[in-house]
Structures are given as structure tokens and as C-alpha cells.
Amino acid sequence: MLEFFERAYYHEFERKDKIVNGTNLPITVIAALYGGLFYIADNFISELESVGLIEVLFLCSFVLSVLLIVFSSYYFAHVIHSVYYEYLDEPKSLKDYHDELVRFYEKSGKGENSTWHL
């Protein structure tokens, strides 16, 4: 029984690390998109001489891109910070629950033929 709790304990920490490490790529992509948009904005503003149809279309698509990235950043942050990661209960409470289930199973008359044991 102790080996099971030890495996479960380490499995929970590995699972949390995988969740946290899974956020690295989206954060990198969002940061790269912000950097690229600010680079484009800096070059566009410095080279702007006249305002024509192409410049207006570019500016509209740029503003739409910024709004979409801000929108996606907000929802990504909301997903990351709104999820509360819960660990397994204490081993004693898990063992008590297991014992309670075994007693219930035995009381129901199926305990003699049981092949499942932890």
C-alpha cells in the first residue's frame, strides 16, 4: 500500500510539471507575435509619408492583429490563472476511504470472491 501512495505522490508532481511546462510554447509564441507587431509598427510609422488605400488597409489589419493578440493573451492568462491545481489527499485519508470501500464491498456480500486488492 505504501508503494502505491509513493507512486501516486510522485505522479502528481510529474503531472503538475507537465502542465506548467506545457505553457512555455504558447507564451513564447505570444511574445514573438508582440515583438513582431511592434517591430512592424516602428518601421511603418518611421516610413509613413502619405496616407493611401494601402496604408489604410495595412493599418486596419495591424489594429485587428493587435486586438486579436490582446484578446488571446487575456484568455490564455485567464486559463492559466483560473485553474487551481489540487494535489491528492493525504495518504491517511486515502487509506481510510479505501478501507471504507472494502468494508462496504464485504458487507454487500461480494467480499469473499473479491480478487481486487491494493
PDB file of N, CA and C in Angstrom:
ATOM      1  N   MET A   1       0.842  -1.186   0.000  1.00  0.00           N
ATOM      2  CA  MET A   1       0.000   0.000   0.000  1.00  0.00           C
ATOM      3  C   MET A   1       0.888   1.252   0.000  1.00  0.00           C
ATOM      4  N   LEU A   2       1.987   1.205   0.725  1.00  0.00           N
ATOM      5  CA  LEU A   2       2.879   2.363   0.801  1.00  0.00           C
ATOM      6  C   LEU A   2       3.477   2.682  -0.563  1.00  0.00           C
ATOM      7  N   GLU A   3       3.790   1.636  -1.329  1.00  0.00           N
ATOM      8  CA  GLU A   3       4.359   1.850  -2.660  1.00  0.00           C
ATOM      9  C   GLU A   3       3.363   2.561  -3.576  1.00  0.00           C
ATOM     10  N   PHE A   4       2.093   2.215  -3.440  1.00  0.00           N
ATOM     11  CA  PHE A   4       1.064   2.871  -4.246  1.00  0.00           C
ATOM     12  C   PHE A   4       1.007   4.359  -3.938  1.00  0.00           C
ATOM     13  N   PHE A   5       1.012   4.727  -2.652  1.00  0.00           N
ATOM     14  CA  PHE A   5       0.952   6.132  -2.277  1.00  0.00           C
ATOM     15  C   PHE A   5       2.195   6.885  -2.725  1.00  0.00           C
ATOM     16  N   GLU A   6       3.333   6.224  -2.664  1.00  0.00           N
ATOM     17  CA  GLU A   6       4.568   6.865  -3.098  1.00  0.00           C
ATOM     18  C   GLU A   6       4.528   7.128  -4.610  1.00  0.00           C
ATOM     19  N   ARG A   7       4.068   6.148  -5.369  1.00  0.00           N
ATOM     20  CA  ARG A   7       3.939   6.342  -6.825  1.00  0.00           C
ATOM     21  C   ARG A   7       2.940   7.444  -7.151  1.00  0.00           C
ATOM     22  N   ALA A   8       1.819   7.444  -6.437  1.00  0.00           N
ATOM     23  CA  ALA A   8       0.796   8.465  -6.685  1.00  0.00           C
ATOM     24  C   ALA A   8       1.319   9.855  -6.355  1.00  0.00           C
ATOM     25  N   TYR A   9       2.094   9.952  -5.288  1.00  0.00           N
ATOM     26  CA  TYR A   9       2.665  11.243  -4.870  1.00  0.00           C
ATOM     27  C   TYR A   9       3.592  11.796  -5.948  1.00  0.00           C
ATOM     28  N   TYR A  10       4.502  10.963  -6.441  1.00  0.00           N
ATOM     29  CA  TYR A  10       5.430  11.426  -7.466  1.00  0.00           C
ATOM     30  C   TYR A  10       4.725  11.646  -8.802  1.00  0.00           C
ATOM     31  N   HIS A  11       3.713  10.865  -9.084  1.00  0.00           N
ATOM     32  CA  HIS A  11       2.949  11.056 -10.315  1.00  0.00           C
ATOM     33  C   HIS A  11       2.251  12.420 -10.327  1.00  0.00           C
ATOM     34  N   GLU A  12       1.735  12.844  -9.197  1.00  0.00           N
ATOM     35  CA  GLU A  12       1.064  14.146  -9.117  1.00  0.00           C
ATOM     36  C   GLU A  12       2.038  15.285  -9.404  1.00  0.00           C
ATOM     37  N   PHE A  13       3.244  15.202  -8.856  1.00  0.00           N
ATOM     38  CA  PHE A  13       4.222  16.256  -9.122  1.00  0.00           C
ATOM     39  C   PHE A  13       4.681  16.242 -10.575  1.00  0.00           C
ATOM     40  N   GLU A  14       4.846  15.071 -11.151  1.00  0.00           N
ATOM     41  CA  GLU A  14       5.216  14.998 -12.570  1.00  0.00           C
ATOM     42  C   GLU A  14       4.109  15.571 -13.445  1.00  0.00           C
ATOM     43  N   ARG A  15       2.867  15.287 -13.092  1.00  0.00           N
ATOM     44  CA  ARG A  15       1.740  15.801 -13.867  1.00  0.00           C
ATOM     45  C   ARG A  15       1.666  17.325 -13.785  1.00  0.00           C
ATOM     46  N   LYS A  16       1.895  17.880 -12.599  1.00  0.00           N
ATOM     47  CA  LYS A  16       1.870  19.334 -12.470  1.00  0.00           C
ATOM     48  C   LYS A  16       3.006  19.965 -13.269  1.00  0.00           C
ATOM     49  N   ASP A  17       4.187  19.356 -13.243  1.00  0.00           N
ATOM     50  CA  ASP A  17       5.299  19.880 -14.032  1.00  0.00           C
ATOM     51  C   ASP A  17       4.982  19.858 -15.519  1.00  0.00           C
ATOM     52  N   LYS A  18       4.313  18.818 -15.987  1.00  0.00           N
ATOM     53  CA  LYS A  18       3.940  18.754 -17.400  1.00  0.00           C
ATOM     54  C   LYS A  18       2.945  19.855 -17.756  1.00  0.00           C
ATOM     55  N   ILE A  19       2.029  20.134 -16.850  1.00  0.00           N
ATOM     56  CA  ILE A  19       1.056  21.207 -17.100  1.00  0.00           C
ATOM     57  C   ILE A  19       1.761  22.553 -17.186  1.00  0.00           C
ATOM     58  N   VAL A  20       2.660  22.805 -16.248  1.00  0.00           N
ATOM     59  CA  VAL A  20       3.383  24.084 -16.232  1.00  0.00           C
ATOM     60  C   VAL A  20       4.293  24.196 -17.455  1.00  0.00           C
ATOM     61  N   ASN A  21       4.982  23.122 -17.805  1.00  0.00           N
ATOM     62  CA  ASN A  21       5.869  23.159 -18.970  1.00  0.00           C
ATOM     63  C   ASN A  21       5.098  23.259 -20.276  1.00  0.00           C
ATOM     64  N   GLY A  22       3.853  22.849 -20.280  1.00  0.00           N
ATOM     65  CA  GLY A  22       3.039  22.962 -21.481  1.00  0.00           C
ATOM     66  C   GLY A  22       2.663  24.394 -21.824  1.00  0.00           C
ATOM     67  N   THR A  23       2.863  25.302 -20.911  1.00  0.00           N
ATOM     68  CA  THR A  23       2.546  26.709 -21.168  1.00  0.00           C
ATOM     69  C   THR A  23       3.716  27.475 -21.775  1.00  0.00           C
ATOM     70  N   ASN A  24       4.881  26.879 -21.829  1.00  0.00           N
ATOM     71  CA  ASN A  24       6.057  27.596 -22.336  1.00  0.00           C
ATOM     72  C   ASN A  24       5.928  27.971 -23.803  1.00  0.00           C
ATOM     73  N   LEU A  25       5.481  27.057 -24.637  1.00  0.00           N
ATOM     74  CA  LEU A  25       5.373  27.331 -26.070  1.00  0.00           C
ATOM     75  C   LEU A  25       4.351  28.434 -26.373  1.00  0.00           C
ATOM     76  N   PRO A  26       3.127  28.384 -25.824  1.00  0.00           N
ATOM     77  CA  PRO A  26       2.193  29.478 -26.119  1.00  0.00           C
ATOM     78  C   PRO A  26       2.699  30.847 -25.648  1.00  0.00           C
ATOM     79  N   ILE A  27       3.358  30.890 -24.517  1.00  0.00           N
ATOM     80  CA  ILE A  27       3.900  32.168 -24.032  1.00  0.00           C
ATOM     81  C   ILE A  27       4.970  32.673 -24.986  1.00  0.00           C
ATOM     82  N   THR A  28       5.820  31.786 -25.479  1.00  0.00           N
ATOM     83  CA  THR A  28       6.868  32.177 -26.425  1.00  0.00           C
ATOM     84  C   THR A  28       6.265  32.685 -27.726  1.00  0.00           C
ATOM     85  N   VAL A  29       5.245  32.008 -28.217  1.00  0.00           N
ATOM     86  CA  VAL A  29       4.605  32.426 -29.475  1.00  0.00           C
ATOM     87  C   VAL A  29       3.938  33.786 -29.314  1.00  0.00           C
ATOM     88  N   ILE A  30       3.248  33.996 -28.214  1.00  0.00           N
ATOM     89  CA  ILE A  30       2.585  35.283 -27.979  1.00  0.00           C
ATOM     90  C   ILE A  30       3.619  36.396 -27.860  1.00  0.00           C
ATOM     91  N   ALA A  31       4.712  36.138 -27.148  1.00  0.00           N
ATOM     92  CA  ALA A  31       5.764  37.154 -27.022  1.00  0.00           C
ATOM     93  C   ALA A  31       6.394  37.466 -28.376  1.00  0.00           C
ATOM     94  N   ALA A  32       6.613  36.446 -29.201  1.00  0.00           N
ATOM     95  CA  ALA A  32       7.175  36.674 -30.535  1.00  0.00           C
ATOM     96  C   ALA A  32       6.213  37.476 -31.406  1.00  0.00           C
ATOM     97  N   LEU A  33       4.927  37.195 -31.302  1.00  0.00           N
ATOM     98  CA  LEU A  33       3.948  37.964 -32.076  1.00  0.00           C
ATOM     99  C   LEU A  33       3.910  39.428 -31.644  1.00  0.00           C
ATOM    100  N   TYR A  34       3.951  39.656 -30.331  1.00  0.00           N
ATOM    101  CA  TYR A  34       4.009  41.041 -29.849  1.00  0.00           C
ATOM    102  C   TYR A  34       5.263  41.742 -30.370  1.00  0.00           C
ATOM    103  N   GLY A  35       6.389  41.064 -30.284  1.00  0.00           N
ATOM    104  CA  GLY A  35       7.642  41.657 -30.773  1.00  0.00           C
ATOM    105  C   GLY A  35       7.583  41.969 -32.251  1.00  0.00           C
ATOM    106  N   GLY A  36       7.042  41.022 -33.041  1.00  0.00           N
ATOM    107  CA  GLY A  36       6.922  41.247 -34.478  1.00  0.00           C
ATOM    108  C   GLY A  36       5.995  42.395 -34.804  1.00  0.00           C
ATOM    109  N   LEU A  37       4.889  42.496 -34.096  1.00  0.00           N
ATOM    110  CA  LEU A  37       3.960  43.610 -34.358  1.00  0.00           C
ATOM    111  C   LEU A  37       4.561  44.962 -33.990  1.00  0.00           C
ATOM    112  N   PHE A  38       5.280  45.017 -32.884  1.00  0.00           N
ATOM    113  CA  PHE A  38       5.899  46.286 -32.515  1.00  0.00           C
ATOM    114  C   PHE A  38       7.031  46.656 -33.472  1.00  0.00           C
ATOM    115  N   TYR A  39       7.743  45.660 -33.991  1.00  0.00           N
ATOM    116  CA  TYR A  39       8.776  45.925 -34.984  1.00  0.00           C
ATOM    117  C   TYR A  39       8.147  46.481 -36.263  1.00  0.00           C
ATOM    118  N   ILE A  40       7.055  45.864 -36.696  1.00  0.00           N
ATOM    119  CA  ILE A  40       6.353  46.341 -37.892  1.00  0.00           C
ATOM    120  C   ILE A  40       5.799  47.744 -37.659  1.00  0.00           C
ATOM    121  N   ALA A  41       5.235  47.979 -36.489  1.00  0.00           N
ATOM    122  CA  ALA A  41       4.684  49.303 -36.192  1.00  0.00           C
ATOM    123  C   ALA A  41       5.771  50.362 -36.203  1.00  0.00           C
ATOM    124  N   ASP A  42       6.920  50.039 -35.640  1.00  0.00           N
ATOM    125  CA  ASP A  42       8.026  51.006 -35.603  1.00  0.00           C
ATOM    126  C   ASP A  42       8.503  51.341 -37.011  1.00  0.00           C
ATOM    127  N   ASN A  43       8.659  50.324 -37.850  1.00  0.00           N
ATOM    128  CA  ASN A  43       9.103  50.566 -39.237  1.00  0.00           C
ATOM    129  C   ASN A  43       8.024  51.238 -40.067  1.00  0.00           C
ATOM    130  N   PHE A  44       6.776  50.917 -39.846  1.00  0.00           N
ATOM    131  CA  PHE A  44       5.683  51.511 -40.616  1.00  0.00           C
ATOM    132  C   PHE A  44       5.547  52.994 -40.298  1.00  0.00           C
ATOM    133  N   ILE A  45       5.606  53.339 -39.033  1.00  0.00           N
ATOM    134  CA  ILE A  45       5.446  54.745 -38.647  1.00  0.00           C
ATOM    135  C   ILE A  45       6.628  55.580 -39.116  1.00  0.00           C
ATOM    136  N   SER A  46       7.831  55.032 -39.053  1.00  0.00           N
ATOM    137  CA  SER A  46       9.005  55.808 -39.465  1.00  0.00           C
ATOM    138  C   SER A  46       9.049  56.020 -40.977  1.00  0.00           C
ATOM    139  N   GLU A  47       8.462  55.132 -41.770  1.00  0.00           N
ATOM    140  CA  GLU A  47       8.488  55.267 -43.223  1.00  0.00           C
ATOM    141  C   GLU A  47       7.189  55.799 -43.816  1.00  0.00           C
ATOM    142  N   LEU A  48       6.254  56.211 -42.978  1.00  0.00           N
ATOM    143  CA  LEU A  48       4.964  56.699 -43.456  1.00  0.00           C
ATOM    144  C   LEU A  48       5.132  58.117 -44.015  1.00  0.00           C
ATOM    145  N   GLU A  49       4.839  58.274 -45.318  1.00  0.00           N
ATOM    146  CA  GLU A  49       4.947  59.580 -45.953  1.00  0.00           C
ATOM    147  C   GLU A  49       3.575  60.129 -46.311  1.00  0.00           C
ATOM    148  N   SER A  50       2.740  59.295 -46.891  1.00  0.00           N
ATOM    149  CA  SER A  50       1.397  59.720 -47.257  1.00  0.00           C
ATOM    150  C   SER A  50       0.428  58.602 -46.884  1.00  0.00           C
ATOM    151  N   VAL A  51      -0.836  58.979 -46.778  1.00  0.00           N
ATOM    152  CA  VAL A  51      -1.847  58.010 -46.396  1.00  0.00           C
ATOM    153  C   VAL A  51      -2.699  57.697 -47.620  1.00  0.00           C
ATOM    154  N   GLY A  52      -2.527  56.462 -48.121  1.00  0.00           N
ATOM    155  CA  GLY A  52      -3.310  55.997 -49.265  1.00  0.00           C
ATOM    156  C   GLY A  52      -4.138  54.785 -48.866  1.00  0.00           C
ATOM    157  N   LEU A  53      -4.722  54.154 -49.864  1.00  0.00           N
ATOM    158  CA  LEU A  53      -5.569  52.997 -49.613  1.00  0.00           C
ATOM    159  C   LEU A  53      -4.768  51.839 -49.009  1.00  0.00           C
ATOM    160  N   ILE A  54      -3.576  51.601 -49.513  1.00  0.00           N
ATOM    161  CA  ILE A  54      -2.738  50.505 -48.999  1.00  0.00           C
ATOM    162  C   ILE A  54      -2.375  50.753 -47.542  1.00  0.00           C
ATOM    163  N   GLU A  55      -2.020  51.964 -47.203  1.00  0.00           N
ATOM    164  CA  GLU A  55      -1.652  52.282 -45.827  1.00  0.00           C
ATOM    165  C   GLU A  55      -2.841  52.114 -44.885  1.00  0.00           C
ATOM    166  N   VAL A  56      -4.040  52.525 -45.337  1.00  0.00           N
ATOM    167  CA  VAL A  56      -5.235  52.388 -44.500  1.00  0.00           C
ATOM    168  C   VAL A  56      -5.565  50.909 -44.296  1.00  0.00           C
ATOM    169  N   LEU A  57      -5.481  50.112 -45.365  1.00  0.00           N
ATOM    170  CA  LEU A  57      -5.731  48.676 -45.230  1.00  0.00           C
ATOM    171  C   LEU A  57      -4.712  48.018 -44.306  1.00  0.00           C
ATOM    172  N   PHE A  58      -3.446  48.421 -44.466  1.00  0.00           N
ATOM    173  CA  PHE A  58      -2.408  47.872 -43.592  1.00  0.00           C
ATOM    174  C   PHE A  58      -2.662  48.255 -42.143  1.00  0.00           C
ATOM    175  N   LEU A  59      -3.020  49.496 -41.904  1.00  0.00           N
ATOM    176  CA  LEU A  59      -3.276  49.957 -40.540  1.00  0.00           C
ATOM    177  C   LEU A  59      -4.485  49.232 -39.932  1.00  0.00           C
ATOM    178  N   CYS A  60      -5.532  49.024 -40.726  1.00  0.00           N
ATOM    179  CA  CYS A  60      -6.698  48.292 -40.224  1.00  0.00           C
ATOM    180  C   CYS A  60      -6.333  46.853 -39.871  1.00  0.00           C
ATOM    181  N   SER A  61      -5.572  46.198 -40.738  1.00  0.00           N
ATOM    182  CA  SER A  61      -5.172  44.815 -40.440  1.00  0.00           C
ATOM    183  C   SER A  61      -4.216  44.764 -39.249  1.00  0.00           C
ATOM    184  N   PHE A  62      -3.377  45.780 -39.106  1.00  0.00           N
ATOM    185  CA  PHE A  62      -2.470  45.841 -37.955  1.00  0.00           C
ATOM    186  C   PHE A  62      -3.252  45.999 -36.657  1.00  0.00           C
ATOM    187  N   VAL A  63      -4.215  46.890 -36.645  1.00  0.00           N
ATOM    188  CA  VAL A  63      -5.034  47.096 -35.441  1.00  0.00           C
ATOM    189  C   VAL A  63      -5.823  45.836 -35.122  1.00  0.00           C
ATOM    190  N   LEU A  64      -6.363  45.180 -36.128  1.00  0.00           N
ATOM    191  CA  LEU A  64      -7.086  43.926 -35.910  1.00  0.00           C
ATOM    192  C   LEU A  64      -6.157  42.856 -35.335  1.00  0.00           C
ATOM    193  N   SER A  65      -4.936  42.786 -35.835  1.00  0.00           N
ATOM    194  CA  SER A  65      -3.959  41.825 -35.325  1.00  0.00           C
ATOM    195  C   SER A  65      -3.630  42.098 -33.863  1.00  0.00           C
ATOM    196  N   VAL A  66      -3.429  43.357 -33.524  1.00  0.00           N
ATOM    197  CA  VAL A  66      -3.126  43.715 -32.136  1.00  0.00           C
ATOM    198  C   VAL A  66      -4.302  43.350 -31.233  1.00  0.00           C
ATOM    199  N   LEU A  67      -5.512  43.653 -31.662  1.00  0.00           N
ATOM    200  CA  LEU A  67      -6.691  43.318 -30.852  1.00  0.00           C
ATOM    201  C   LEU A  67      -6.835  41.808 -30.653  1.00  0.00           C
ATOM    202  N   LEU A  68      -6.593  41.035 -31.699  1.00  0.00           N
ATOM    203  CA  LEU A  68      -6.703  39.584 -31.588  1.00  0.00           C
ATOM    204  C   LEU A  68      -5.625  39.004 -30.674  1.00  0.00           C
ATOM    205  N   ILE A  69      -4.417  39.544 -30.728  1.00  0.00           N
ATOM    206  CA  ILE A  69      -3.359  39.045 -29.849  1.00  0.00           C
ATOM    207  C   ILE A  69      -3.635  39.432 -28.400  1.00  0.00           C
ATOM    208  N   VAL A  70      -4.139  40.634 -28.185  1.00  0.00           N
ATOM    209  CA  VAL A  70      -4.505  41.037 -26.821  1.00  0.00           C
ATOM    210  C   VAL A  70      -5.634  40.153 -26.307  1.00  0.00           C
ATOM    211  N   PHE A  71      -6.597  39.879 -27.145  1.00  0.00           N
ATOM    212  CA  PHE A  71      -7.721  39.006 -26.793  1.00  0.00           C
ATOM    213  C   PHE A  71      -7.227  37.601 -26.439  1.00  0.00           C
ATOM    214  N   SER A  72      -6.368  37.038 -27.264  1.00  0.00           N
ATOM    215  CA  SER A  72      -5.855  35.694 -26.993  1.00  0.00           C
ATOM    216  C   SER A  72      -4.954  35.675 -25.762  1.00  0.00           C
ATOM    217  N   SER A  73      -4.194  36.727 -25.526  1.00  0.00           N
ATOM    218  CA  SER A  73      -3.358  36.809 -24.327  1.00  0.00           C
ATOM    219  C   SER A  73      -4.215  36.853 -23.067  1.00  0.00           C
ATOM    220  N   TYR A  74      -5.303  37.598 -23.135  1.00  0.00           N
ATOM    221  CA  TYR A  74      -6.204  37.674 -21.991  1.00  0.00           C
ATOM    222  C   TYR A  74      -6.785  36.302 -21.664  1.00  0.00           C
ATOM    223  N   TYR A  75      -7.278  35.611 -22.678  1.00  0.00           N
ATOM    224  CA  TYR A  75      -7.878  34.306 -22.431  1.00  0.00           C
ATOM    225  C   TYR A  75      -6.840  33.264 -22.018  1.00  0.00           C
ATOM    226  N   PHE A  76      -5.643  33.351 -22.561  1.00  0.00           N
ATOM    227  CA  PHE A  76      -4.588  32.431 -22.147  1.00  0.00           C
ATOM    228  C   PHE A  76      -4.231  32.663 -20.679  1.00  0.00           C
ATOM    229  N   ALA A  77      -4.082  33.912 -20.277  1.00  0.00           N
ATOM    230  CA  ALA A  77      -3.791  34.216 -18.870  1.00  0.00           C
ATOM    231  C   ALA A  77      -4.950  33.788 -17.972  1.00  0.00           C
ATOM    232  N   HIS A  78      -6.158  33.977 -18.448  1.00  0.00           N
ATOM    233  CA  HIS A  78      -7.328  33.570 -17.670  1.00  0.00           C
ATOM    234  C   HIS A  78      -7.348  32.060 -17.449  1.00  0.00           C
ATOM    235  N   VAL A  79      -7.013  31.299 -18.474  1.00  0.00           N
ATOM    236  CA  VAL A  79      -6.990  29.840 -18.348  1.00  0.00           C
ATOM    237  C   VAL A  79      -5.888  29.405 -17.399  1.00  0.00           C
ATOM    238  N   ILE A  80      -4.732  30.006 -17.500  1.00  0.00           N
ATOM    239  CA  ILE A  80      -3.603  29.595 -16.661  1.00  0.00           C
ATOM    240  C   ILE A  80      -3.854  29.946 -15.198  1.00  0.00           C
ATOM    241  N   HIS A  81      -4.371  31.122 -14.923  1.00  0.00           N
ATOM    242  CA  HIS A  81      -4.504  31.567 -13.532  1.00  0.00           C
ATOM    243  C   HIS A  81      -5.826  31.205 -12.885  1.00  0.00           C
ATOM    244  N   SER A  82      -6.802  30.763 -13.667  1.00  0.00           N
ATOM    245  CA  SER A  82      -8.082  30.430 -13.052  1.00  0.00           C
ATOM    246  C   SER A  82      -8.166  28.970 -12.633  1.00  0.00           C
ATOM    247  N   VAL A  83      -7.234  28.173 -13.077  1.00  0.00           N
ATOM    248  CA  VAL A  83      -7.249  26.754 -12.730  1.00  0.00           C
ATOM    249  C   VAL A  83      -6.440  26.553 -11.456  1.00  0.00           C
ATOM    250  N   TYR A  84      -7.105  26.011 -10.446  1.00  0.00           N
ATOM    251  CA  TYR A  84      -6.413  25.703  -9.201  1.00  0.00           C
ATOM    252  C   TYR A  84      -6.037  24.235  -9.235  1.00  0.00           C
ATOM    253  N   TYR A  85      -4.754  23.961  -9.158  1.00  0.00           N
ATOM    254  CA  TYR A  85      -4.281  22.593  -9.216  1.00  0.00           C
ATOM    255  C   TYR A  85      -4.401  21.972  -7.839  1.00  0.00           C
ATOM    256  N   GLU A  86      -5.111  20.854  -7.767  1.00  0.00           N
ATOM    257  CA  GLU A  86      -5.292  20.177  -6.491  1.00  0.00           C
ATOM    258  C   GLU A  86      -4.472  18.898  -6.469  1.00  0.00           C
ATOM    259  N   TYR A  87      -3.778  18.715  -5.376  1.00  0.00           N
ATOM    260  CA  TYR A  87      -2.997  17.503  -5.198  1.00  0.00           C
ATOM    261  C   TYR A  87      -3.887  16.395  -4.648  1.00  0.00           C
ATOM    262  N   LEU A  88      -3.325  15.212  -4.574  1.00  0.00           N
ATOM    263  CA  LEU A  88      -4.026  14.105  -3.941  1.00  0.00           C
ATOM    264  C   LEU A  88      -4.226  14.401  -2.465  1.00  0.00           C
ATOM    265  N   ASP A  89      -5.232  13.782  -1.901  1.00  0.00           N
ATOM    266  CA  ASP A  89      -5.443  13.913  -0.458  1.00  0.00           C
ATOM    267  C   ASP A  89      -4.293  13.270   0.301  1.00  0.00           C
ATOM    268  N   GLU A  90      -4.308  13.490   1.591  1.00  0.00           N
ATOM    269  CA  GLU A  90      -3.312  12.866   2.453  1.00  0.00           C
ATOM    270  C   GLU A  90      -3.412  11.348   2.328  1.00  0.00           C
ATOM    271  N   PRO A  91      -2.291  10.640   2.419  1.00  0.00           N
ATOM    272  CA  PRO A  91      -2.348   9.177   2.318  1.00  0.00           C
ATOM    273  C   PRO A  91      -3.268   8.539   3.361  1.00  0.00           C
ATOM    274  N   LYS A  92      -3.337   9.106   4.562  1.00  0.00           N
ATOM    275  CA  LYS A  92      -4.200   8.534   5.602  1.00  0.00           C
ATOM    276  C   LYS A  92      -5.668   8.617   5.173  1.00  0.00           C
ATOM    277  N   SER A  93      -6.088   9.749   4.617  1.00  0.00           N
ATOM    278  CA  SER A  93      -7.483   9.880   4.194  1.00  0.00           C
ATOM    279  C   SER A  93      -7.780   8.957   3.003  1.00  0.00           C
ATOM    280  N   LEU A  94      -6.792   8.759   2.113  1.00  0.00           N
ATOM    281  CA  LEU A  94      -6.988   7.821   1.003  1.00  0.00           C
ATOM    282  C   LEU A  94      -7.111   6.389   1.516  1.00  0.00           C
ATOM    283  N   LYS A  95      -6.272   6.034   2.493  1.00  0.00           N
ATOM    284  CA  LYS A  95      -6.351   4.683   3.067  1.00  0.00           C
ATOM    285  C   LYS A  95      -7.666   4.488   3.815  1.00  0.00           C
ATOM    286  N   ASP A  96      -8.107   5.498   4.560  1.00  0.00           N
ATOM    287  CA  ASP A  96      -9.394   5.393   5.251  1.00  0.00           C
ATOM    288  C   ASP A  96     -10.535   5.199   4.261  1.00  0.00           C
ATOM    289  N   TYR A  97     -10.488   5.936   3.172  1.00  0.00           N
ATOM    290  CA  TYR A  97     -11.520   5.802   2.147  1.00  0.00           C
ATOM    291  C   TYR A  97     -11.474   4.410   1.521  1.00  0.00           C
ATOM    292  N   HIS A  98     -10.281   3.927   1.255  1.00  0.00           N
ATOM    293  CA  HIS A  98     -10.122   2.589   0.700  1.00  0.00           C
ATOM    294  C   HIS A  98     -10.671   1.540   1.657  1.00  0.00           C
ATOM    295  N   ASP A  99     -10.345   1.671   2.932  1.00  0.00           N
ATOM    296  CA  ASP A  99     -10.846   0.721   3.930  1.00  0.00           C
ATOM    297  C   ASP A  99     -12.373   0.762   4.014  1.00  0.00           C
ATOM    298  N   GLU A 100     -12.919   1.966   3.914  1.00  0.00           N
ATOM    299  CA  GLU A 100     -14.377   2.107   3.935  1.00  0.00           C
ATOM    300  C   GLU A 100     -15.013   1.411   2.730  1.00  0.00           C
ATOM    301  N   LEU A 101     -14.405   1.547   1.571  1.00  0.00           N
ATOM    302  CA  LEU A 101     -14.916   0.879   0.379  1.00  0.00           C
ATOM    303  C   LEU A 101     -14.810  -0.637   0.503  1.00  0.00           C
ATOM    304  N   VAL A 102     -13.718  -1.127   1.076  1.00  0.00           N
ATOM    305  CA  VAL A 102     -13.558  -2.565   1.267  1.00  0.00           C
ATOM    306  C   VAL A 102     -14.622  -3.091   2.227  1.00  0.00           C
ATOM    307  N   ARG A 103     -14.864  -2.357   3.334  1.00  0.00           N
ATOM    308  CA  ARG A 103     -15.907  -2.771   4.281  1.00  0.00           C
ATOM    309  C   ARG A 103     -17.276  -2.796   3.609  1.00  0.00           C
ATOM    310  N   PHE A 104     -17.555  -1.784   2.796  1.00  0.00           N
ATOM    311  CA  PHE A 104     -18.835  -1.742   2.084  1.00  0.00           C
ATOM    312  C   PHE A 104     -18.963  -2.929   1.123  1.00  0.00           C
ATOM    313  N   TYR A 105     -17.874  -3.214   0.428  1.00  0.00           N
ATOM    314  CA  TYR A 105     -17.877  -4.305  -0.537  1.00  0.00           C
ATOM    315  C   TYR A 105     -18.080  -5.637   0.174  1.00  0.00           C
ATOM    316  N   GLU A 106     -17.417  -5.804   1.321  1.00  0.00           N
ATOM    317  CA  GLU A 106     -17.570  -7.050   2.070  1.00  0.00           C
ATOM    318  C   GLU A 106     -18.972  -7.162   2.666  1.00  0.00           C
ATOM    319  N   LYS A 107     -19.524  -6.038   3.109  1.00  0.00           N
ATOM    320  CA  LYS A 107     -20.875  -6.051   3.690  1.00  0.00           C
ATOM    321  C   LYS A 107     -21.924  -6.395   2.634  1.00  0.00           C
ATOM    322  N   SER A 108     -21.656  -6.025   1.394  1.00  0.00           N
ATOM    323  CA  SER A 108     -22.629  -6.293   0.339  1.00  0.00           C
ATOM    324  C   SER A 108     -22.635  -7.758  -0.082  1.00  0.00           C
ATOM    325  N   GLY A 109     -21.719  -8.569   0.484  1.00  0.00           N
ATOM    326  CA  GLY A 109     -21.713  -9.994   0.204  1.00  0.00           C
ATOM    327  C   GLY A 109     -20.815 -10.406  -0.930  1.00  0.00           C
ATOM    328  N   LYS A 110     -20.027  -9.491  -1.463  1.00  0.00           N
ATOM    329  CA  LYS A 110     -19.166  -9.824  -2.588  1.00  0.00           C
ATOM    330  C   LYS A 110     -17.697  -9.878  -2.179  1.00  0.00           C
ATOM    331  N   GLY A 111     -17.442  -9.686  -0.904  1.00  0.00           N
ATOM    332  CA  GLY A 111     -16.060  -9.601  -0.444  1.00  0.00           C
ATOM    333  C   GLY A 111     -15.317 -10.912  -0.462  1.00  0.00           C
ATOM    334  N   GLU A 112     -16.019 -12.058  -0.348  1.00  0.00           N
ATOM    335  CA  GLU A 112     -15.336 -13.344  -0.303  1.00  0.00           C
ATOM    336  C   GLU A 112     -14.721 -13.696  -1.652  1.00  0.00           C
ATOM    337  N   ASN A 113     -15.371 -13.289  -2.717  1.00  0.00           N
ATOM    338  CA  ASN A 113     -14.905 -13.633  -4.058  1.00  0.00           C
ATOM    339  C   ASN A 113     -14.076 -12.515  -4.697  1.00  0.00           C
ATOM    340  N   SER A 114     -13.718 -11.566  -3.915  1.00  0.00           N
ATOM    341  CA  SER A 114     -13.017 -10.410  -4.452  1.00  0.00           C
ATOM    342  C   SER A 114     -11.594 -10.784  -4.865  1.00  0.00           C
ATOM    343  N   THR A 115     -11.209 -10.359  -6.039  1.00  0.00           N
ATOM    344  CA  THR A 115      -9.833 -10.576  -6.492  1.00  0.00           C
ATOM    345  C   THR A 115      -9.076  -9.265  -6.548  1.00  0.00           C
ATOM    346  N   TRP A 116      -9.748  -8.164  -6.265  1.00  0.00           N
ATOM    347  CA  TRP A 116      -9.109  -6.849  -6.345  1.00  0.00           C
ATOM    348  C   TRP A 116      -8.657  -6.429  -4.958  1.00  0.00           C
ATOM    349  N   HIS A 117      -7.366  -6.221  -4.794  1.00  0.00           N
ATOM    350  CA  HIS A 117      -6.801  -5.727  -3.537  1.00  0.00           C
ATOM    351  C   HIS A 117      -5.692  -4.771  -3.872  1.00  0.00           C
ATOM    352  N   LEU A 118      -5.555  -3.803  -3.025  1.00  0.00           N
ATOM    353  CA  LEU A 118      -4.483  -2.838  -3.232  1.00  0.00           C
ATOM    354  C   LEU A 118      -3.270  -3.271  -2.478  1.00  0.00           C
TER     355      LEU A 118
END
